[in-house]
Amino acid sequence: MMKECNVATKRGVVLNGVLFHEGAPADTIVVNITGIHGNFYSNPFYYNIGDTLNTGGIDFLYAQTNDAFGQIRTRNVVTGQEEIIGSWNERFSYTDEDIGAYLDYAESAGYKHIILAGHSLGANKVIYYLSHNHDKRVEHFLLLSPANLTYMMSGVSEREKQIIRDMVERGDGDKMLPFPFMGWVECIAYTAYDWQFSGLLNNVFVEPDRDFSQCEQITHTGALLIGTYDNFTYGDPSGFLRNINDHIPTHDQNKLIFIEKTGHTYQMKHQEVADDILRLVQDWREA
């Protein structure tokens, strides 16, 4: 059974989550932070994960963030004004508030065991959050196919980078870029600047000698999962995932899961992913 689970952030923005709950009281919940355009339409595997976890008496919260769609019409609970949020105007500095709002919900709902998960850019957000919020409410993390931002932004030209800089420097950061960022994101200059220059979520890499300082600050234990055809990894998904885990202090306690012959959104392997996550969470719960 699914039901709306809308949560308000401290700045008043309402995030539209969906809770998978079978009816019987559950003491464990997996809170999954979505990535850019990571909605049910583009990431249908969420249905499999939610339904499968429910069979094991575990709740699942599809935690939609600001950029799950290009535009989302909502009403700010602080100002009372209607506003439009989305990938067009997201700021990466919202990450703590967004994740914190969903964790506050899980805590207030009485869950004893909270697993913080994230898919794609949502995984990068989980890394960022846990790197400086050693939140005791979170028992474990689950990183699903972290996004290699360096790869994603590899097609942004030097001219486009300069346009972004110029717009921000002259005070036009709230204006729309004259081109789609990365070739597919219609957004304001501030949003593109966060992607290209802030470094806030550019925290995982193929190369072992890059800046893994956020991963190196994580104190939680957890698991990392990826498809062996993930095309954000320059052809080596397994090495990419192992490299990330190697930089996490709890690496020897973490579990790595490789889903064979599927990509970033687990095409044709949705149920296998869901089954693996169920077994993982059951093992944690029984430990």
C-alpha atoms as a PDB file:
ATOM      1  CA  MET A   1       0.000   0.000   0.000  1.00  0.00           C
ATOM      2  CA  MET A   2       1.282   3.460  -0.869  1.00  0.00           C
ATOM      3  CA  LYS A   3       0.315   6.777   0.667  1.00  0.00           C
ATOM      4  CA  GLU A   4       1.488  10.347   0.277  1.00  0.00           C
ATOM      5  CA  CYS A   5       4.103  11.422   2.774  1.00  0.00           C
ATOM      6  CA  ASN A   6       4.705  15.122   2.306  1.00  0.00           C
ATOM      7  CA  VAL A   7       7.317  16.689   4.581  1.00  0.00           C
ATOM      8  CA  ALA A   8       8.151  20.348   5.109  1.00  0.00           C
ATOM      9  CA  THR A   9      11.711  21.626   5.287  1.00  0.00           C
ATOM     10  CA  LYS A  10      12.838  24.401   7.612  1.00  0.00           C
ATOM     11  CA  ARG A  11      12.710  26.883   4.730  1.00  0.00           C
ATOM     12  CA  GLY A  12       9.069  25.923   4.176  1.00  0.00           C
ATOM     13  CA  VAL A  13       9.439  23.942   0.960  1.00  0.00           C
ATOM     14  CA  VAL A  14       7.208  20.870   0.919  1.00  0.00           C
ATOM     15  CA  LEU A  15       8.769  17.687  -0.462  1.00  0.00           C
ATOM     16  CA  ASN A  16       6.451  15.038  -1.894  1.00  0.00           C
ATOM     17  CA  GLY A  17       7.389  11.600  -0.628  1.00  0.00           C
ATOM     18  CA  VAL A  18       5.528   8.306  -0.889  1.00  0.00           C
ATOM     19  CA  LEU A  19       5.411   5.752   1.942  1.00  0.00           C
ATOM     20  CA  PHE A  20       5.141   2.037   1.143  1.00  0.00           C
ATOM     21  CA  HIS A  21       3.440   0.497   4.186  1.00  0.00           C
ATOM     22  CA  GLU A  22       1.510  -2.762   4.443  1.00  0.00           C
ATOM     23  CA  GLY A  23      -0.668  -1.863   7.411  1.00  0.00           C
ATOM     24  CA  ALA A  24       0.958  -3.740  10.287  1.00  0.00           C
ATOM     25  CA  PRO A  25       3.231  -1.609  12.501  1.00  0.00           C
ATOM     26  CA  ALA A  26       6.830  -1.690  11.262  1.00  0.00           C
ATOM     27  CA  ASP A  27       9.890  -0.853  13.329  1.00  0.00           C
ATOM     28  CA  THR A  28      12.245  -0.478  10.341  1.00  0.00           C
ATOM     29  CA  ILE A  29      12.170   1.977   7.454  1.00  0.00           C
ATOM     30  CA  VAL A  30      14.403   2.555   4.455  1.00  0.00           C
ATOM     31  CA  VAL A  31      14.404   6.249   3.517  1.00  0.00           C
ATOM     32  CA  ASN A  32      15.585   6.583  -0.086  1.00  0.00           C
ATOM     33  CA  ILE A  33      16.710   9.992  -1.353  1.00  0.00           C
ATOM     34  CA  THR A  34      16.035  10.465  -5.059  1.00  0.00           C
ATOM     35  CA  GLY A  35      18.423  11.932  -7.621  1.00  0.00           C
ATOM     36  CA  ILE A  36      17.868  14.381 -10.454  1.00  0.00           C
ATOM     37  CA  HIS A  37      14.707  13.407 -12.363  1.00  0.00           C
ATOM     38  CA  GLY A  38      14.673  10.308 -10.170  1.00  0.00           C
ATOM     39  CA  ASN A  39      10.905  10.009 -10.089  1.00  0.00           C
ATOM     40  CA  PHE A  40       8.679   6.949 -10.447  1.00  0.00           C
ATOM     41  CA  TYR A  41       8.459   7.441 -14.201  1.00  0.00           C
ATOM     42  CA  SER A  42      12.194   7.337 -14.830  1.00  0.00           C
ATOM     43  CA  ASN A  43      13.022   5.016 -11.932  1.00  0.00           C
ATOM     44  CA  PRO A  44      10.193   2.434 -11.769  1.00  0.00           C
ATOM     45  CA  PHE A  45      12.370   0.098  -9.704  1.00  0.00           C
ATOM     46  CA  TYR A  46      11.139   2.005  -6.648  1.00  0.00           C
ATOM     47  CA  TYR A  47       7.854   0.105  -6.877  1.00  0.00           C
ATOM     48  CA  ASN A  48       9.697  -3.221  -6.709  1.00  0.00           C
ATOM     49  CA  ILE A  49      11.796  -2.102  -3.768  1.00  0.00           C
ATOM     50  CA  GLY A  50       8.843  -0.747  -1.802  1.00  0.00           C
ATOM     51  CA  ASP A  51       6.568  -3.732  -2.405  1.00  0.00           C
ATOM     52  CA  THR A  52       9.342  -6.253  -1.724  1.00  0.00           C
ATOM     53  CA  LEU A  53      10.440  -4.626   1.526  1.00  0.00           C
ATOM     54  CA  ASN A  54       6.816  -4.619   2.666  1.00  0.00           C
ATOM     55  CA  THR A  55       6.702  -8.405   2.290  1.00  0.00           C
ATOM     56  CA  GLY A  56       9.401  -8.522   4.949  1.00  0.00           C
ATOM     57  CA  GLY A  57       7.611  -6.137   7.295  1.00  0.00           C
ATOM     58  CA  ILE A  58       9.881  -3.227   6.382  1.00  0.00           C
ATOM     59  CA  ASP A  59       8.556   0.182   5.336  1.00  0.00           C
ATOM     60  CA  PHE A  60      10.020   2.111   2.425  1.00  0.00           C
ATOM     61  CA  LEU A  61       9.933   5.870   1.942  1.00  0.00           C
ATOM     62  CA  TYR A  62      10.458   7.154  -1.585  1.00  0.00           C
ATOM     63  CA  ALA A  63      11.957  10.478  -0.502  1.00  0.00           C
ATOM     64  CA  GLN A  64      11.531  12.764  -3.474  1.00  0.00           C
ATOM     65  CA  THR A  65      13.803  15.792  -3.365  1.00  0.00           C
ATOM     66  CA  ASN A  66      13.744  19.180  -5.118  1.00  0.00           C
ATOM     67  CA  ASP A  67      14.995  17.874  -8.431  1.00  0.00           C
ATOM     68  CA  ALA A  68      12.962  14.683  -8.910  1.00  0.00           C
ATOM     69  CA  PHE A  69      11.159  16.497 -11.742  1.00  0.00           C
ATOM     70  CA  GLY A  70      12.044  19.465 -13.903  1.00  0.00           C
ATOM     71  CA  GLN A  71       9.310  21.498 -12.208  1.00  0.00           C
ATOM     72  CA  ILE A  72       7.066  20.754  -9.218  1.00  0.00           C
ATOM     73  CA  ARG A  73       4.258  23.101  -8.180  1.00  0.00           C
ATOM     74  CA  THR A  74       3.931  23.389  -4.400  1.00  0.00           C
ATOM     75  CA  ARG A  75       3.094  25.821  -1.611  1.00  0.00           C
ATOM     76  CA  ASN A  76       5.628  27.065   0.922  1.00  0.00           C
ATOM     77  CA  VAL A  77       4.335  26.485   4.470  1.00  0.00           C
ATOM     78  CA  VAL A  78       6.397  29.365   5.864  1.00  0.00           C
ATOM     79  CA  THR A  79       5.491  32.098   3.364  1.00  0.00           C
ATOM     80  CA  GLY A  80       2.133  30.672   2.306  1.00  0.00           C
ATOM     81  CA  GLN A  81       3.065  31.415  -1.280  1.00  0.00           C
ATOM     82  CA  GLU A  82       2.771  29.045  -4.214  1.00  0.00           C
ATOM     83  CA  GLU A  83       6.159  28.217  -5.683  1.00  0.00           C
ATOM     84  CA  ILE A  84       7.710  26.034  -8.332  1.00  0.00           C
ATOM     85  CA  ILE A  85      10.686  23.910  -7.377  1.00  0.00           C
ATOM     86  CA  GLY A  86      12.593  21.357  -9.427  1.00  0.00           C
ATOM     87  CA  SER A  87      15.824  20.609 -11.210  1.00  0.00           C
ATOM     88  CA  TRP A  88      15.502  24.057 -12.793  1.00  0.00           C
ATOM     89  CA  ASN A  89      16.286  25.911  -9.535  1.00  0.00           C
ATOM     90  CA  GLU A  90      17.676  23.414  -7.016  1.00  0.00           C
ATOM     91  CA  ARG A  91      20.560  24.528  -4.823  1.00  0.00           C
ATOM     92  CA  PHE A  92      22.861  21.856  -3.435  1.00  0.00           C
ATOM     93  CA  SER A  93      22.927  23.649  -0.091  1.00  0.00           C
ATOM     94  CA  TYR A  94      19.340  22.371   0.389  1.00  0.00           C
ATOM     95  CA  THR A  95      20.677  18.847   0.924  1.00  0.00           C
ATOM     96  CA  ASP A  96      20.904  18.900   4.714  1.00  0.00           C
ATOM     97  CA  GLU A  97      17.407  20.341   5.101  1.00  0.00           C
ATOM     98  CA  ASP A  98      15.856  17.902   2.654  1.00  0.00           C
ATOM     99  CA  ILE A  99      17.377  14.784   4.198  1.00  0.00           C
ATOM    100  CA  GLY A 100      16.831  16.130   7.700  1.00  0.00           C
ATOM    101  CA  ALA A 101      13.123  16.654   7.004  1.00  0.00           C
ATOM    102  CA  TYR A 102      12.650  13.023   5.972  1.00  0.00           C
ATOM    103  CA  LEU A 103      14.662  11.729   8.945  1.00  0.00           C
ATOM    104  CA  ASP A 104      12.609  13.937  11.271  1.00  0.00           C
ATOM    105  CA  TYR A 105       9.488  12.332   9.837  1.00  0.00           C
ATOM    106  CA  ALA A 106      10.843   8.807  10.342  1.00  0.00           C
ATOM    107  CA  GLU A 107      11.823   9.615  13.914  1.00  0.00           C
ATOM    108  CA  SER A 108       8.476  11.216  14.777  1.00  0.00           C
ATOM    109  CA  ALA A 109       6.652   8.232  13.234  1.00  0.00           C
ATOM    110  CA  GLY A 110       8.342   5.998  15.792  1.00  0.00           C
ATOM    111  CA  TYR A 111      10.632   3.864  13.635  1.00  0.00           C
ATOM    112  CA  LYS A 112      13.354   2.239  15.730  1.00  0.00           C
ATOM    113  CA  HIS A 113      15.629   1.356  12.816  1.00  0.00           C
ATOM    114  CA  ILE A 114      16.275   3.886  10.043  1.00  0.00           C
ATOM    115  CA  ILE A 115      18.308   3.031   6.943  1.00  0.00           C
ATOM    116  CA  LEU A 116      19.321   6.075   4.883  1.00  0.00           C
ATOM    117  CA  ALA A 117      19.573   5.230   1.192  1.00  0.00           C
ATOM    118  CA  GLY A 118      20.080   7.255  -1.955  1.00  0.00           C
ATOM    119  CA  HIS A 119      20.104   6.520  -5.674  1.00  0.00           C
ATOM    120  CA  SER A 120      22.333   8.310  -8.215  1.00  0.00           C
ATOM    121  CA  LEU A 121      22.702  11.957  -7.138  1.00  0.00           C
ATOM    122  CA  GLY A 122      20.685  10.978  -4.064  1.00  0.00           C
ATOM    123  CA  ALA A 123      23.594   8.717  -3.057  1.00  0.00           C
ATOM    124  CA  ASN A 124      25.959  11.681  -3.365  1.00  0.00           C
ATOM    125  CA  LYS A 125      23.577  13.631  -1.135  1.00  0.00           C
ATOM    126  CA  VAL A 126      23.660  10.859   1.465  1.00  0.00           C
ATOM    127  CA  ILE A 127      27.478  10.943   1.402  1.00  0.00           C
ATOM    128  CA  TYR A 128      27.444  14.720   1.831  1.00  0.00           C
ATOM    129  CA  TYR A 129      24.937  14.529   4.699  1.00  0.00           C
ATOM    130  CA  LEU A 130      26.692  11.765   6.607  1.00  0.00           C
ATOM    131  CA  SER A 131      30.112  13.366   6.137  1.00  0.00           C
ATOM    132  CA  HIS A 132      29.228  16.130   8.571  1.00  0.00           C
ATOM    133  CA  ASN A 133      26.025  14.922  10.246  1.00  0.00           C
ATOM    134  CA  HIS A 134      26.974  11.874  12.284  1.00  0.00           C
ATOM    135  CA  ASP A 135      23.282  11.310  12.834  1.00  0.00           C
ATOM    136  CA  LYS A 136      22.657   8.606  15.431  1.00  0.00           C
ATOM    137  CA  ARG A 137      19.119   8.104  14.138  1.00  0.00           C
ATOM    138  CA  VAL A 138      20.616   6.479  11.027  1.00  0.00           C
ATOM    139  CA  GLU A 139      21.716   2.894  11.636  1.00  0.00           C
ATOM    140  CA  HIS A 140      23.189   2.185   8.196  1.00  0.00           C
ATOM    141  CA  PHE A 141      23.576   3.775   4.766  1.00  0.00           C
ATOM    142  CA  LEU A 142      22.792   2.300   1.364  1.00  0.00           C
ATOM    143  CA  LEU A 143      24.387   3.909  -1.694  1.00  0.00           C
ATOM    144  CA  LEU A 144      22.701   2.884  -4.952  1.00  0.00           C
ATOM    145  CA  SER A 145      24.770   3.750  -8.040  1.00  0.00           C
ATOM    146  CA  PRO A 146      26.396   7.003  -6.867  1.00  0.00           C
ATOM    147  CA  ALA A 147      26.641   9.606  -9.618  1.00  0.00           C
ATOM    148  CA  ASN A 148      30.035  10.393 -11.118  1.00  0.00           C
ATOM    149  CA  LEU A 149      29.494  14.119 -11.680  1.00  0.00           C
ATOM    150  CA  THR A 150      32.802  14.445 -13.505  1.00  0.00           C
ATOM    151  CA  TYR A 151      31.518  12.049 -16.156  1.00  0.00           C
ATOM    152  CA  MET A 152      28.072  13.654 -16.259  1.00  0.00           C
ATOM    153  CA  MET A 153      29.534  17.128 -16.835  1.00  0.00           C
ATOM    154  CA  SER A 154      32.226  16.055 -19.295  1.00  0.00           C
ATOM    155  CA  GLY A 155      30.290  17.502 -22.219  1.00  0.00           C
ATOM    156  CA  VAL A 156      29.990  21.023 -20.782  1.00  0.00           C
ATOM    157  CA  SER A 157      32.157  23.260 -22.959  1.00  0.00           C
ATOM    158  CA  GLU A 158      34.561  25.905 -21.712  1.00  0.00           C
ATOM    159  CA  ARG A 159      32.357  28.551 -23.319  1.00  0.00           C
ATOM    160  CA  GLU A 160      29.331  27.252 -21.402  1.00  0.00           C
ATOM    161  CA  LYS A 161      31.319  27.219 -18.163  1.00  0.00           C
ATOM    162  CA  GLN A 162      32.296  30.855 -18.747  1.00  0.00           C
ATOM    163  CA  ILE A 163      28.678  31.848 -19.401  1.00  0.00           C
ATOM    164  CA  ILE A 164      27.694  30.278 -16.064  1.00  0.00           C
ATOM    165  CA  ARG A 165      30.479  32.130 -14.242  1.00  0.00           C
ATOM    166  CA  ASP A 166      29.654  35.429 -15.919  1.00  0.00           C
ATOM    167  CA  MET A 167      25.948  35.219 -15.107  1.00  0.00           C
ATOM    168  CA  VAL A 168      26.600  34.468 -11.440  1.00  0.00           C
ATOM    169  CA  GLU A 169      29.293  37.141 -11.095  1.00  0.00           C
ATOM    170  CA  ARG A 170      27.099  39.889 -12.555  1.00  0.00           C
ATOM    171  CA  GLY A 171      24.147  39.000 -10.307  1.00  0.00           C
ATOM    172  CA  ASP A 172      22.074  37.066 -12.845  1.00  0.00           C
ATOM    173  CA  GLY A 173      22.289  33.731 -11.053  1.00  0.00           C
ATOM    174  CA  ASP A 174      18.494  33.478 -10.795  1.00  0.00           C
ATOM    175  CA  LYS A 175      18.057  33.772 -14.563  1.00  0.00           C
ATOM    176  CA  MET A 176      17.726  30.800 -16.887  1.00  0.00           C
ATOM    177  CA  LEU A 177      20.791  29.659 -18.780  1.00  0.00           C
ATOM    178  CA  PRO A 178      20.616  30.261 -22.552  1.00  0.00           C
ATOM    179  CA  PHE A 179      21.396  26.543 -23.085  1.00  0.00           C
ATOM    180  CA  PRO A 180      20.461  23.253 -21.393  1.00  0.00           C
ATOM    181  CA  PHE A 181      23.135  22.366 -18.841  1.00  0.00           C
ATOM    182  CA  MET A 182      24.816  19.044 -19.652  1.00  0.00           C
ATOM    183  CA  GLY A 183      22.631  19.057 -22.752  1.00  0.00           C
ATOM    184  CA  TRP A 184      19.404  18.162 -20.902  1.00  0.00           C
ATOM    185  CA  VAL A 185      18.838  20.253 -17.741  1.00  0.00           C
ATOM    186  CA  GLU A 186      16.983  23.536 -18.231  1.00  0.00           C
ATOM    187  CA  CYS A 187      18.052  25.501 -15.164  1.00  0.00           C
ATOM    188  CA  ILE A 188      19.079  28.811 -13.676  1.00  0.00           C
ATOM    189  CA  ALA A 189      22.738  29.823 -13.554  1.00  0.00           C
ATOM    190  CA  TYR A 190      22.986  29.289  -9.788  1.00  0.00           C
ATOM    191  CA  THR A 191      21.940  25.649 -10.172  1.00  0.00           C
ATOM    192  CA  ALA A 192      24.447  25.033 -12.956  1.00  0.00           C
ATOM    193  CA  TYR A 193      27.118  26.759 -10.861  1.00  0.00           C
ATOM    194  CA  ASP A 194      26.449  24.373  -7.972  1.00  0.00           C
ATOM    195  CA  TRP A 195      26.872  21.413 -10.304  1.00  0.00           C
ATOM    196  CA  GLN A 196      29.965  22.682 -12.068  1.00  0.00           C
ATOM    197  CA  PHE A 197      31.895  24.608  -9.455  1.00  0.00           C
ATOM    198  CA  SER A 198      30.649  24.158  -5.873  1.00  0.00           C
ATOM    199  CA  GLY A 199      32.026  20.656  -5.305  1.00  0.00           C
ATOM    200  CA  LEU A 200      29.329  20.032  -2.680  1.00  0.00           C
ATOM    201  CA  LEU A 201      28.073  16.837  -4.302  1.00  0.00           C
ATOM    202  CA  ASN A 202      31.047  16.059  -6.552  1.00  0.00           C
ATOM    203  CA  ASN A 203      32.322  13.562  -4.007  1.00  0.00           C
ATOM    204  CA  VAL A 204      32.901  10.237  -5.823  1.00  0.00           C
ATOM    205  CA  PHE A 205      35.373   9.492  -8.602  1.00  0.00           C
ATOM    206  CA  VAL A 206      36.925   6.761 -10.701  1.00  0.00           C
ATOM    207  CA  GLU A 207      40.456   7.899  -9.861  1.00  0.00           C
ATOM    208  CA  PRO A 208      41.699   6.903  -6.363  1.00  0.00           C
ATOM    209  CA  ASP A 209      43.673  10.119  -5.829  1.00  0.00           C
ATOM    210  CA  ARG A 210      40.780  12.594  -6.189  1.00  0.00           C
ATOM    211  CA  ASP A 211      39.096  14.504  -3.351  1.00  0.00           C
ATOM    212  CA  PHE A 212      37.313  11.843  -1.299  1.00  0.00           C
ATOM    213  CA  SER A 213      37.306  13.992   1.838  1.00  0.00           C
ATOM    214  CA  GLN A 214      33.549  13.594   2.308  1.00  0.00           C
ATOM    215  CA  CYS A 215      33.686   9.801   2.122  1.00  0.00           C
ATOM    216  CA  GLU A 216      36.599   9.875   4.556  1.00  0.00           C
ATOM    217  CA  GLN A 217      34.421  11.578   7.192  1.00  0.00           C
ATOM    218  CA  ILE A 218      31.644   8.957   7.208  1.00  0.00           C
ATOM    219  CA  THR A 219      31.381   7.030  10.482  1.00  0.00           C
ATOM    220  CA  HIS A 220      28.343   4.870   9.645  1.00  0.00           C
ATOM    221  CA  THR A 221      28.457   1.375   8.196  1.00  0.00           C
ATOM    222  CA  GLY A 222      26.392   0.295   5.233  1.00  0.00           C
ATOM    223  CA  ALA A 223      26.336  -1.084   1.721  1.00  0.00           C
ATOM    224  CA  LEU A 224      27.036   0.064  -1.835  1.00  0.00           C
ATOM    225  CA  LEU A 225      25.248  -1.312  -4.914  1.00  0.00           C
ATOM    226  CA  ILE A 226      25.799  -0.831  -8.648  1.00  0.00           C
ATOM    227  CA  GLY A 227      24.932  -2.407 -11.993  1.00  0.00           C
ATOM    228  CA  THR A 228      27.913  -3.831 -13.860  1.00  0.00           C
ATOM    229  CA  TYR A 229      26.863  -1.922 -17.008  1.00  0.00           C
ATOM    230  CA  ASP A 230      26.580   1.463 -15.270  1.00  0.00           C
ATOM    231  CA  ASN A 231      27.728   3.937 -17.923  1.00  0.00           C
ATOM    232  CA  PHE A 232      28.721   6.732 -15.512  1.00  0.00           C
ATOM    233  CA  THR A 233      31.956   4.961 -14.590  1.00  0.00           C
ATOM    234  CA  TYR A 234      34.178   5.081 -17.683  1.00  0.00           C
ATOM    235  CA  GLY A 235      33.654   1.347 -18.182  1.00  0.00           C
ATOM    236  CA  ASP A 236      34.575   0.029 -14.734  1.00  0.00           C
ATOM    237  CA  PRO A 237      31.521   0.048 -12.421  1.00  0.00           C
ATOM    238  CA  SER A 238      32.990  -2.523 -10.038  1.00  0.00           C
ATOM    239  CA  GLY A 239      36.247  -0.609  -9.685  1.00  0.00           C
ATOM    240  CA  PHE A 240      34.311   2.630  -9.232  1.00  0.00           C
ATOM    241  CA  LEU A 241      32.284   1.186  -6.345  1.00  0.00           C
ATOM    242  CA  ARG A 242      35.316  -0.434  -4.699  1.00  0.00           C
ATOM    243  CA  ASN A 243      37.225   2.842  -4.984  1.00  0.00           C
ATOM    244  CA  ILE A 244      34.446   4.704  -3.178  1.00  0.00           C
ATOM    245  CA  ASN A 245      34.277   2.122  -0.408  1.00  0.00           C
ATOM    246  CA  ASP A 246      38.065   2.121   0.006  1.00  0.00           C
ATOM    247  CA  HIS A 247      37.840   5.775   1.055  1.00  0.00           C
ATOM    248  CA  ILE A 248      35.151   5.162   3.696  1.00  0.00           C
ATOM    249  CA  PRO A 249      36.672   4.486   7.150  1.00  0.00           C
ATOM    250  CA  THR A 250      34.231   1.618   7.765  1.00  0.00           C
ATOM    251  CA  HIS A 251      35.114  -0.051   4.430  1.00  0.00           C
ATOM    252  CA  ASP A 252      35.941  -3.416   5.956  1.00  0.00           C
ATOM    253  CA  GLN A 253      32.457  -3.625   7.513  1.00  0.00           C
ATOM    254  CA  ASN A 254      30.526  -2.503   4.412  1.00  0.00           C
ATOM    255  CA  LYS A 255      28.907  -4.791   1.867  1.00  0.00           C
ATOM    256  CA  LEU A 256      29.338  -4.386  -1.896  1.00  0.00           C
ATOM    257  CA  ILE A 257      26.557  -5.616  -4.189  1.00  0.00           C
ATOM    258  CA  PHE A 258      27.040  -5.957  -7.958  1.00  0.00           C
ATOM    259  CA  ILE A 259      23.976  -6.454 -10.143  1.00  0.00           C
ATOM    260  CA  GLU A 260      25.151  -8.215 -13.278  1.00  0.00           C
ATOM    261  CA  LYS A 261      24.353  -7.002 -16.797  1.00  0.00           C
ATOM    262  CA  THR A 262      22.315  -3.912 -15.971  1.00  0.00           C
ATOM    263  CA  GLY A 263      22.865  -0.179 -15.910  1.00  0.00           C
ATOM    264  CA  HIS A 264      22.315   2.893 -13.774  1.00  0.00           C
ATOM    265  CA  THR A 265      18.575   2.338 -13.332  1.00  0.00           C
ATOM    266  CA  TYR A 266      18.696  -1.471 -13.230  1.00  0.00           C
ATOM    267  CA  GLN A 267      16.807  -2.239 -16.439  1.00  0.00           C
ATOM    268  CA  MET A 268      15.483  -5.838 -16.476  1.00  0.00           C
ATOM    269  CA  LYS A 269      16.882  -6.380 -12.952  1.00  0.00           C
ATOM    270  CA  HIS A 270      14.428  -4.397 -10.820  1.00  0.00           C
ATOM    271  CA  GLN A 271      13.295  -7.398  -8.786  1.00  0.00           C
ATOM    272  CA  GLU A 272      16.824  -8.682  -8.256  1.00  0.00           C
ATOM    273  CA  VAL A 273      17.791  -5.306  -6.808  1.00  0.00           C
ATOM    274  CA  ALA A 274      14.729  -5.330  -4.553  1.00  0.00           C
ATOM    275  CA  ASP A 275      15.423  -8.872  -3.340  1.00  0.00           C
ATOM    276  CA  ASP A 276      19.051  -8.024  -2.543  1.00  0.00           C
ATOM    277  CA  ILE A 277      17.996  -4.949  -0.577  1.00  0.00           C
ATOM    278  CA  LEU A 278      15.433  -6.980   1.393  1.00  0.00           C
ATOM    279  CA  ARG A 279      18.052  -9.580   2.345  1.00  0.00           C
ATOM    280  CA  LEU A 280      20.510  -6.843   3.282  1.00  0.00           C
ATOM    281  CA  VAL A 281      18.091  -5.007   5.573  1.00  0.00           C
ATOM    282  CA  GLN A 282      16.900  -8.258   7.151  1.00  0.00           C
ATOM    283  CA  ASP A 283      20.520  -9.167   7.919  1.00  0.00           C
ATOM    284  CA  TRP A 284      21.069  -5.766   9.532  1.00  0.00           C
ATOM    285  CA  ARG A 285      17.879  -6.052  11.531  1.00  0.00           C
ATOM    286  CA  GLU A 286      18.791  -9.499  12.826  1.00  0.00           C
ATOM    287  CA  ALA A 287      22.408  -8.656  13.660  1.00  0.00           C
END
